[in-house]
Amino acid sequence: MVTRTWRPHPLKTSIIELLQRKGAMTDVDLHNLIKEPQEVGFGALNTELLRLEIQGLIRVTALARGKRRVELIEAEKGRT
């Protein structure tokens, strides 16, 4: 039986806050920064990145084989 616990800080919020503070970074660097305070697997991070990209909050682009750049999309000035 697998027991799931709530994270004290949602993964979505952690990703957005890190990108706001540090700017664009690779997915590997983002995973290393997130997994220190929280136990987050690379698969869970990829799933959340996909959700955020579909919502239009971040942009993920390919850099080299196996590396991706993750950046926060700036909100438009007229948009709330």
PDB file of N, CA and C in Angstrom:
ATOM      1  N   MET A   1       0.844  -1.178   0.000  1.00  0.00           N
ATOM      2  CA  MET A   1       0.000   0.000   0.000  1.00  0.00           C
ATOM      3  C   MET A   1       0.889   1.241   0.000  1.00  0.00           C
ATOM      4  N   VAL A   2       0.623   2.111  -0.940  1.00  0.00           N
ATOM      5  CA  VAL A   2       1.395   3.334  -1.061  1.00  0.00           C
ATOM      6  C   VAL A   2       0.690   4.446  -0.311  1.00  0.00           C
ATOM      7  N   THR A   3       1.406   5.095   0.563  1.00  0.00           N
ATOM      8  CA  THR A   3       0.858   6.200   1.323  1.00  0.00           C
ATOM      9  C   THR A   3       1.392   7.501   0.745  1.00  0.00           C
ATOM     10  N   ARG A   4       0.493   8.395   0.419  1.00  0.00           N
ATOM     11  CA  ARG A   4       0.913   9.688  -0.115  1.00  0.00           C
ATOM     12  C   ARG A   4       0.719  10.755   0.946  1.00  0.00           C
ATOM     13  N   THR A   5       1.671  11.634   1.035  1.00  0.00           N
ATOM     14  CA  THR A   5       1.559  12.741   1.975  1.00  0.00           C
ATOM     15  C   THR A   5       1.540  14.047   1.203  1.00  0.00           C
ATOM     16  N   TRP A   6       0.928  15.035   1.780  1.00  0.00           N
ATOM     17  CA  TRP A   6       0.890  16.352   1.159  1.00  0.00           C
ATOM     18  C   TRP A   6       2.240  17.032   1.325  1.00  0.00           C
ATOM     19  N   ARG A   7       2.640  17.693   0.280  1.00  0.00           N
ATOM     20  CA  ARG A   7       3.865  18.477   0.369  1.00  0.00           C
ATOM     21  C   ARG A   7       3.539  19.772   1.105  1.00  0.00           C
ATOM     22  N   PRO A   8       4.433  20.240   1.967  1.00  0.00           N
ATOM     23  CA  PRO A   8       4.167  21.491   2.675  1.00  0.00           C
ATOM     24  C   PRO A   8       4.096  22.692   1.728  1.00  0.00           C
ATOM     25  N   HIS A   9       4.761  22.580   0.591  1.00  0.00           N
ATOM     26  CA  HIS A   9       4.805  23.649  -0.401  1.00  0.00           C
ATOM     27  C   HIS A   9       4.522  22.996  -1.752  1.00  0.00           C
ATOM     28  N   PRO A  10       3.436  23.361  -2.443  1.00  0.00           N
ATOM     29  CA  PRO A  10       3.116  22.707  -3.711  1.00  0.00           C
ATOM     30  C   PRO A  10       4.253  22.826  -4.723  1.00  0.00           C
ATOM     31  N   LEU A  11       4.432  21.781  -5.516  1.00  0.00           N
ATOM     32  CA  LEU A  11       5.514  21.746  -6.497  1.00  0.00           C
ATOM     33  C   LEU A  11       5.378  22.879  -7.505  1.00  0.00           C
ATOM     34  N   LYS A  12       4.154  23.157  -7.933  1.00  0.00           N
ATOM     35  CA  LYS A  12       3.903  24.240  -8.886  1.00  0.00           C
ATOM     36  C   LYS A  12       4.422  25.563  -8.342  1.00  0.00           C
ATOM     37  N   THR A  13       4.126  25.844  -7.095  1.00  0.00           N
ATOM     38  CA  THR A  13       4.555  27.088  -6.462  1.00  0.00           C
ATOM     39  C   THR A  13       6.073  27.142  -6.332  1.00  0.00           C
ATOM     40  N   SER A  14       6.681  26.021  -5.980  1.00  0.00           N
ATOM     41  CA  SER A  14       8.139  25.973  -5.849  1.00  0.00           C
ATOM     42  C   SER A  14       8.824  26.277  -7.170  1.00  0.00           C
ATOM     43  N   ILE A  15       8.314  25.708  -8.261  1.00  0.00           N
ATOM     44  CA  ILE A  15       8.906  25.930  -9.586  1.00  0.00           C
ATOM     45  C   ILE A  15       8.797  27.398  -9.973  1.00  0.00           C
ATOM     46  N   ILE A  16       7.615  27.969  -9.821  1.00  0.00           N
ATOM     47  CA  ILE A  16       7.409  29.368 -10.216  1.00  0.00           C
ATOM     48  C   ILE A  16       8.252  30.313  -9.371  1.00  0.00           C
ATOM     49  N   GLU A  17       8.320  30.074  -8.069  1.00  0.00           N
ATOM     50  CA  GLU A  17       9.132  30.941  -7.195  1.00  0.00           C
ATOM     51  C   GLU A  17      10.612  30.857  -7.549  1.00  0.00           C
ATOM     52  N   LEU A  18      11.111  29.658  -7.823  1.00  0.00           N
ATOM     53  CA  LEU A  18      12.523  29.519  -8.200  1.00  0.00           C
ATOM     54  C   LEU A  18      12.820  30.240  -9.508  1.00  0.00           C
ATOM     55  N   LEU A  19      11.943  30.121 -10.484  1.00  0.00           N
ATOM     56  CA  LEU A  19      12.161  30.793 -11.769  1.00  0.00           C
ATOM     57  C   LEU A  19      12.061  32.307 -11.622  1.00  0.00           C
ATOM     58  N   GLN A  20      11.219  32.789 -10.725  1.00  0.00           N
ATOM     59  CA  GLN A  20      11.138  34.231 -10.490  1.00  0.00           C
ATOM     60  C   GLN A  20      12.413  34.756  -9.842  1.00  0.00           C
ATOM     61  N   ARG A  21      12.947  34.000  -8.892  1.00  0.00           N
ATOM     62  CA  ARG A  21      14.152  34.442  -8.181  1.00  0.00           C
ATOM     63  C   ARG A  21      15.416  34.293  -9.003  1.00  0.00           C
ATOM     64  N   LYS A  22      15.589  33.152  -9.672  1.00  0.00           N
ATOM     65  CA  LYS A  22      16.858  32.848 -10.321  1.00  0.00           C
ATOM     66  C   LYS A  22      16.838  33.024 -11.829  1.00  0.00           C
ATOM     67  N   GLY A  23      15.663  33.159 -12.431  1.00  0.00           N
ATOM     68  CA  GLY A  23      15.575  33.304 -13.882  1.00  0.00           C
ATOM     69  C   GLY A  23      15.593  31.942 -14.567  1.00  0.00           C
ATOM     70  N   ALA A  24      15.739  31.965 -15.878  1.00  0.00           N
ATOM     71  CA  ALA A  24      15.707  30.738 -16.671  1.00  0.00           C
ATOM     72  C   ALA A  24      16.870  29.820 -16.293  1.00  0.00           C
ATOM     73  N   MET A  25      16.607  28.509 -16.344  1.00  0.00           N
ATOM     74  CA  MET A  25      17.638  27.515 -16.019  1.00  0.00           C
ATOM     75  C   MET A  25      17.313  26.207 -16.706  1.00  0.00           C
ATOM     76  N   THR A  26      18.235  25.273 -16.661  1.00  0.00           N
ATOM     77  CA  THR A  26      17.988  23.962 -17.255  1.00  0.00           C
ATOM     78  C   THR A  26      17.099  23.143 -16.334  1.00  0.00           C
ATOM     79  N   ASP A  27      16.474  22.131 -16.914  1.00  0.00           N
ATOM     80  CA  ASP A  27      15.596  21.273 -16.117  1.00  0.00           C
ATOM     81  C   ASP A  27      16.374  20.502 -15.065  1.00  0.00           C
ATOM     82  N   VAL A  28      17.621  20.166 -15.344  1.00  0.00           N
ATOM     83  CA  VAL A  28      18.458  19.448 -14.377  1.00  0.00           C
ATOM     84  C   VAL A  28      18.784  20.347 -13.184  1.00  0.00           C
ATOM     85  N   ASP A  29      19.141  21.603 -13.457  1.00  0.00           N
ATOM     86  CA  ASP A  29      19.421  22.548 -12.370  1.00  0.00           C
ATOM     87  C   ASP A  29      18.175  22.795 -11.520  1.00  0.00           C
ATOM     88  N   LEU A  30      17.035  22.927 -12.182  1.00  0.00           N
ATOM     89  CA  LEU A  30      15.779  23.125 -11.468  1.00  0.00           C
ATOM     90  C   LEU A  30      15.471  21.931 -10.576  1.00  0.00           C
ATOM     91  N   HIS A  31      15.680  20.731 -11.086  1.00  0.00           N
ATOM     92  CA  HIS A  31      15.434  19.523 -10.293  1.00  0.00           C
ATOM     93  C   HIS A  31      16.361  19.476  -9.082  1.00  0.00           C
ATOM     94  N   ASN A  32      17.623  19.819  -9.277  1.00  0.00           N
ATOM     95  CA  ASN A  32      18.575  19.810  -8.159  1.00  0.00           C
ATOM     96  C   ASN A  32      18.191  20.809  -7.072  1.00  0.00           C
ATOM     97  N   LEU A  33      17.680  21.972  -7.456  1.00  0.00           N
ATOM     98  CA  LEU A  33      17.272  22.976  -6.466  1.00  0.00           C
ATOM     99  C   LEU A  33      15.989  22.575  -5.745  1.00  0.00           C
ATOM    100  N   ILE A  34      15.093  21.918  -6.455  1.00  0.00           N
ATOM    101  CA  ILE A  34      13.813  21.534  -5.848  1.00  0.00           C
ATOM    102  C   ILE A  34      13.945  20.306  -4.971  1.00  0.00           C
ATOM    103  N   LYS A  35      14.770  19.356  -5.359  1.00  0.00           N
ATOM    104  CA  LYS A  35      14.826  18.100  -4.604  1.00  0.00           C
ATOM    105  C   LYS A  35      15.546  18.229  -3.265  1.00  0.00           C
ATOM    106  N   GLU A  36      16.284  19.326  -3.046  1.00  0.00           N
ATOM    107  CA  GLU A  36      16.939  19.518  -1.746  1.00  0.00           C
ATOM    108  C   GLU A  36      15.925  19.634  -0.613  1.00  0.00           C
ATOM    109  N   PRO A  37      14.959  20.584  -0.686  1.00  0.00           N
ATOM    110  CA  PRO A  37      14.005  20.670   0.424  1.00  0.00           C
ATOM    111  C   PRO A  37      12.869  19.644   0.327  1.00  0.00           C
ATOM    112  N   GLN A  38      12.579  19.159  -0.876  1.00  0.00           N
ATOM    113  CA  GLN A  38      11.466  18.223  -1.070  1.00  0.00           C
ATOM    114  C   GLN A  38      11.972  16.978  -1.786  1.00  0.00           C
ATOM    115  N   GLU A  39      11.340  15.854  -1.529  1.00  0.00           N
ATOM    116  CA  GLU A  39      11.665  14.633  -2.261  1.00  0.00           C
ATOM    117  C   GLU A  39      10.816  14.615  -3.525  1.00  0.00           C
ATOM    118  N   VAL A  40      11.405  15.034  -4.641  1.00  0.00           N
ATOM    119  CA  VAL A  40      10.692  15.103  -5.910  1.00  0.00           C
ATOM    120  C   VAL A  40      11.499  14.351  -6.949  1.00  0.00           C
ATOM    121  N   GLY A  41      10.868  13.404  -7.596  1.00  0.00           N
ATOM    122  CA  GLY A  41      11.528  12.660  -8.666  1.00  0.00           C
ATOM    123  C   GLY A  41      11.522  13.468  -9.956  1.00  0.00           C
ATOM    124  N   PHE A  42      12.396  13.075 -10.879  1.00  0.00           N
ATOM    125  CA  PHE A  42      12.506  13.792 -12.144  1.00  0.00           C
ATOM    126  C   PHE A  42      11.228  13.636 -12.962  1.00  0.00           C
ATOM    127  N   GLY A  43      10.572  12.484 -12.863  1.00  0.00           N
ATOM    128  CA  GLY A  43       9.316  12.263 -13.578  1.00  0.00           C
ATOM    129  C   GLY A  43       8.208  13.179 -13.084  1.00  0.00           C
ATOM    130  N   ALA A  44       8.117  13.356 -11.766  1.00  0.00           N
ATOM    131  CA  ALA A  44       7.107  14.253 -11.192  1.00  0.00           C
ATOM    132  C   ALA A  44       7.376  15.697 -11.613  1.00  0.00           C
ATOM    133  N   LEU A  45       8.647  16.070 -11.673  1.00  0.00           N
ATOM    134  CA  LEU A  45       9.004  17.421 -12.114  1.00  0.00           C
ATOM    135  C   LEU A  45       8.598  17.620 -13.569  1.00  0.00           C
ATOM    136  N   ASN A  46       8.876  16.634 -14.424  1.00  0.00           N
ATOM    137  CA  ASN A  46       8.507  16.739 -15.835  1.00  0.00           C
ATOM    138  C   ASN A  46       7.001  16.856 -16.020  1.00  0.00           C
ATOM    139  N   THR A  47       6.247  16.109 -15.240  1.00  0.00           N
ATOM    140  CA  THR A  47       4.786  16.184 -15.309  1.00  0.00           C
ATOM    141  C   THR A  47       4.299  17.578 -14.942  1.00  0.00           C
ATOM    142  N   GLU A  48       4.860  18.130 -13.889  1.00  0.00           N
ATOM    143  CA  GLU A  48       4.448  19.474 -13.452  1.00  0.00           C
ATOM    144  C   GLU A  48       4.894  20.536 -14.458  1.00  0.00           C
ATOM    145  N   LEU A  49       6.071  20.371 -15.063  1.00  0.00           N
ATOM    146  CA  LEU A  49       6.518  21.318 -16.084  1.00  0.00           C
ATOM    147  C   LEU A  49       5.572  21.300 -17.276  1.00  0.00           C
ATOM    148  N   LEU A  50       5.108  20.118 -17.666  1.00  0.00           N
ATOM    149  CA  LEU A  50       4.157  20.005 -18.768  1.00  0.00           C
ATOM    150  C   LEU A  50       2.849  20.716 -18.431  1.00  0.00           C
ATOM    151  N   ARG A  51       2.360  20.542 -17.214  1.00  0.00           N
ATOM    152  CA  ARG A  51       1.134  21.219 -16.790  1.00  0.00           C
ATOM    153  C   ARG A  51       1.295  22.736 -16.831  1.00  0.00           C
ATOM    154  N   LEU A  52       2.413  23.219 -16.321  1.00  0.00           N
ATOM    155  CA  LEU A  52       2.654  24.664 -16.302  1.00  0.00           C
ATOM    156  C   LEU A  52       2.800  25.232 -17.716  1.00  0.00           C
ATOM    157  N   GLU A  53       3.402  24.442 -18.603  1.00  0.00           N
ATOM    158  CA  GLU A  53       3.559  24.894 -19.986  1.00  0.00           C
ATOM    159  C   GLU A  53       2.202  24.947 -20.692  1.00  0.00           C
ATOM    160  N   ILE A  54       1.347  23.977 -20.449  1.00  0.00           N
ATOM    161  CA  ILE A  54       0.004  23.975 -21.035  1.00  0.00           C
ATOM    162  C   ILE A  54      -0.801  25.161 -20.521  1.00  0.00           C
ATOM    163  N   GLN A  55      -0.623  25.517 -19.258  1.00  0.00           N
ATOM    164  CA  GLN A  55      -1.332  26.659 -18.671  1.00  0.00           C
ATOM    165  C   GLN A  55      -0.781  27.998 -19.155  1.00  0.00           C
ATOM    166  N   GLY A  56       0.355  27.973 -19.848  1.00  0.00           N
ATOM    167  CA  GLY A  56       0.940  29.201 -20.378  1.00  0.00           C
ATOM    168  C   GLY A  56       1.757  29.980 -19.378  1.00  0.00           C
ATOM    169  N   LEU A  57       2.217  29.317 -18.301  1.00  0.00           N
ATOM    170  CA  LEU A  57       2.994  30.006 -17.272  1.00  0.00           C
ATOM    171  C   LEU A  57       4.499  29.929 -17.516  1.00  0.00           C
ATOM    172  N   ILE A  58       4.946  28.859 -18.160  1.00  0.00           N
ATOM    173  CA  ILE A  58       6.377  28.699 -18.443  1.00  0.00           C
ATOM    174  C   ILE A  58       6.566  28.289 -19.894  1.00  0.00           C
ATOM    175  N   ARG A  59       7.811  28.363 -20.348  1.00  0.00           N
ATOM    176  CA  ARG A  59       8.194  27.905 -21.683  1.00  0.00           C
ATOM    177  C   ARG A  59       9.372  26.952 -21.512  1.00  0.00           C
ATOM    178  N   VAL A  60       9.286  25.797 -22.154  1.00  0.00           N
ATOM    179  CA  VAL A  60      10.354  24.803 -22.103  1.00  0.00           C
ATOM    180  C   VAL A  60      10.863  24.608 -23.522  1.00  0.00           C
ATOM    181  N   THR A  61      12.168  24.841 -23.722  1.00  0.00           N
ATOM    182  CA  THR A  61      12.764  24.679 -25.047  1.00  0.00           C
ATOM    183  C   THR A  61      13.955  23.734 -24.962  1.00  0.00           C
ATOM    184  N   ALA A  62      14.212  23.042 -26.057  1.00  0.00           N
ATOM    185  CA  ALA A  62      15.326  22.093 -26.101  1.00  0.00           C
ATOM    186  C   ALA A  62      16.629  22.842 -26.305  1.00  0.00           C
ATOM    187  N   LEU A  63      17.641  22.493 -25.509  1.00  0.00           N
ATOM    188  CA  LEU A  63      18.974  23.082 -25.665  1.00  0.00           C
ATOM    189  C   LEU A  63      19.868  22.121 -26.434  1.00  0.00           C
ATOM    190  N   ALA A  64      20.122  20.996 -25.860  1.00  0.00           N
ATOM    191  CA  ALA A  64      20.946  19.957 -26.459  1.00  0.00           C
ATOM    192  C   ALA A  64      20.277  18.627 -26.143  1.00  0.00           C
ATOM    193  N   ARG A  65      20.843  17.582 -26.586  1.00  0.00           N
ATOM    194  CA  ARG A  65      20.247  16.272 -26.346  1.00  0.00           C
ATOM    195  C   ARG A  65      20.157  16.005 -24.842  1.00  0.00           C
ATOM    196  N   GLY A  66      18.938  15.833 -24.359  1.00  0.00           N
ATOM    197  CA  GLY A  66      18.741  15.535 -22.955  1.00  0.00           C
ATOM    198  C   GLY A  66      18.710  16.745 -22.038  1.00  0.00           C
ATOM    199  N   LYS A  67      18.825  17.960 -22.580  1.00  0.00           N
ATOM    200  CA  LYS A  67      18.775  19.170 -21.754  1.00  0.00           C
ATOM    201  C   LYS A  67      17.703  20.095 -22.289  1.00  0.00           C
ATOM    202  N   ARG A  68      16.988  20.699 -21.345  1.00  0.00           N
ATOM    203  CA  ARG A  68      15.949  21.647 -21.712  1.00  0.00           C
ATOM    204  C   ARG A  68      16.082  22.909 -20.884  1.00  0.00           C
ATOM    205  N   ARG A  69      15.697  24.035 -21.488  1.00  0.00           N
ATOM    206  CA  ARG A  69      15.724  25.326 -20.801  1.00  0.00           C
ATOM    207  C   ARG A  69      14.311  25.632 -20.342  1.00  0.00           C
ATOM    208  N   VAL A  70      14.169  25.991 -19.086  1.00  0.00           N
ATOM    209  CA  VAL A  70      12.865  26.321 -18.507  1.00  0.00           C
ATOM    210  C   VAL A  70      12.886  27.790 -18.147  1.00  0.00           C
ATOM    211  N   GLU A  71      11.890  28.532 -18.644  1.00  0.00           N
ATOM    212  CA  GLU A  71      11.816  29.953 -18.335  1.00  0.00           C
ATOM    213  C   GLU A  71      10.384  30.350 -18.035  1.00  0.00           C
ATOM    214  N   LEU A  72      10.242  31.349 -17.201  1.00  0.00           N
ATOM    215  CA  LEU A  72       8.941  31.877 -16.819  1.00  0.00           C
ATOM    216  C   LEU A  72       8.484  32.827 -17.911  1.00  0.00           C
ATOM    217  N   ILE A  73       7.223  32.744 -18.297  1.00  0.00           N
ATOM    218  CA  ILE A  73       6.672  33.669 -19.290  1.00  0.00           C
ATOM    219  C   ILE A  73       6.187  34.904 -18.541  1.00  0.00           C
ATOM    220  N   GLU A  74       6.686  36.041 -18.951  1.00  0.00           N
ATOM    221  CA  GLU A  74       6.323  37.291 -18.306  1.00  0.00           C
ATOM    222  C   GLU A  74       4.870  37.630 -18.601  1.00  0.00           C
ATOM    223  N   ALA A  75       4.154  38.097 -17.608  1.00  0.00           N
ATOM    224  CA  ALA A  75       2.759  38.489 -17.789  1.00  0.00           C
ATOM    225  C   ALA A  75       2.699  39.756 -18.627  1.00  0.00           C
ATOM    226  N   GLU A  76       1.715  39.814 -19.504  1.00  0.00           N
ATOM    227  CA  GLU A  76       1.550  41.006 -20.327  1.00  0.00           C
ATOM    228  C   GLU A  76       1.109  42.162 -19.429  1.00  0.00           C
ATOM    229  N   LYS A  77       1.457  43.391 -19.833  1.00  0.00           N
ATOM    230  CA  LYS A  77       1.165  44.560 -18.987  1.00  0.00           C
ATOM    231  C   LYS A  77      -0.335  44.785 -18.801  1.00  0.00           C
ATOM    232  N   GLY A  78      -1.135  44.562 -19.813  1.00  0.00           N
ATOM    233  CA  GLY A  78      -2.568  44.797 -19.704  1.00  0.00           C
ATOM    234  C   GLY A  78      -3.315  43.630 -19.048  1.00  0.00           C
ATOM    235  N   ARG A  79      -2.640  42.556 -18.823  1.00  0.00           N
ATOM    236  CA  ARG A  79      -3.259  41.347 -18.276  1.00  0.00           C
ATOM    237  C   ARG A  79      -3.143  41.329 -16.759  1.00  0.00           C
ATOM    238  N   THR A  80      -4.156  40.886 -16.057  1.00  0.00           N
ATOM    239  CA  THR A  80      -4.097  40.836 -14.605  1.00  0.00           C
ATOM    240  C   THR A  80      -3.819  39.450 -14.133  1.00  0.00           C
TER     241      THR A  80
END
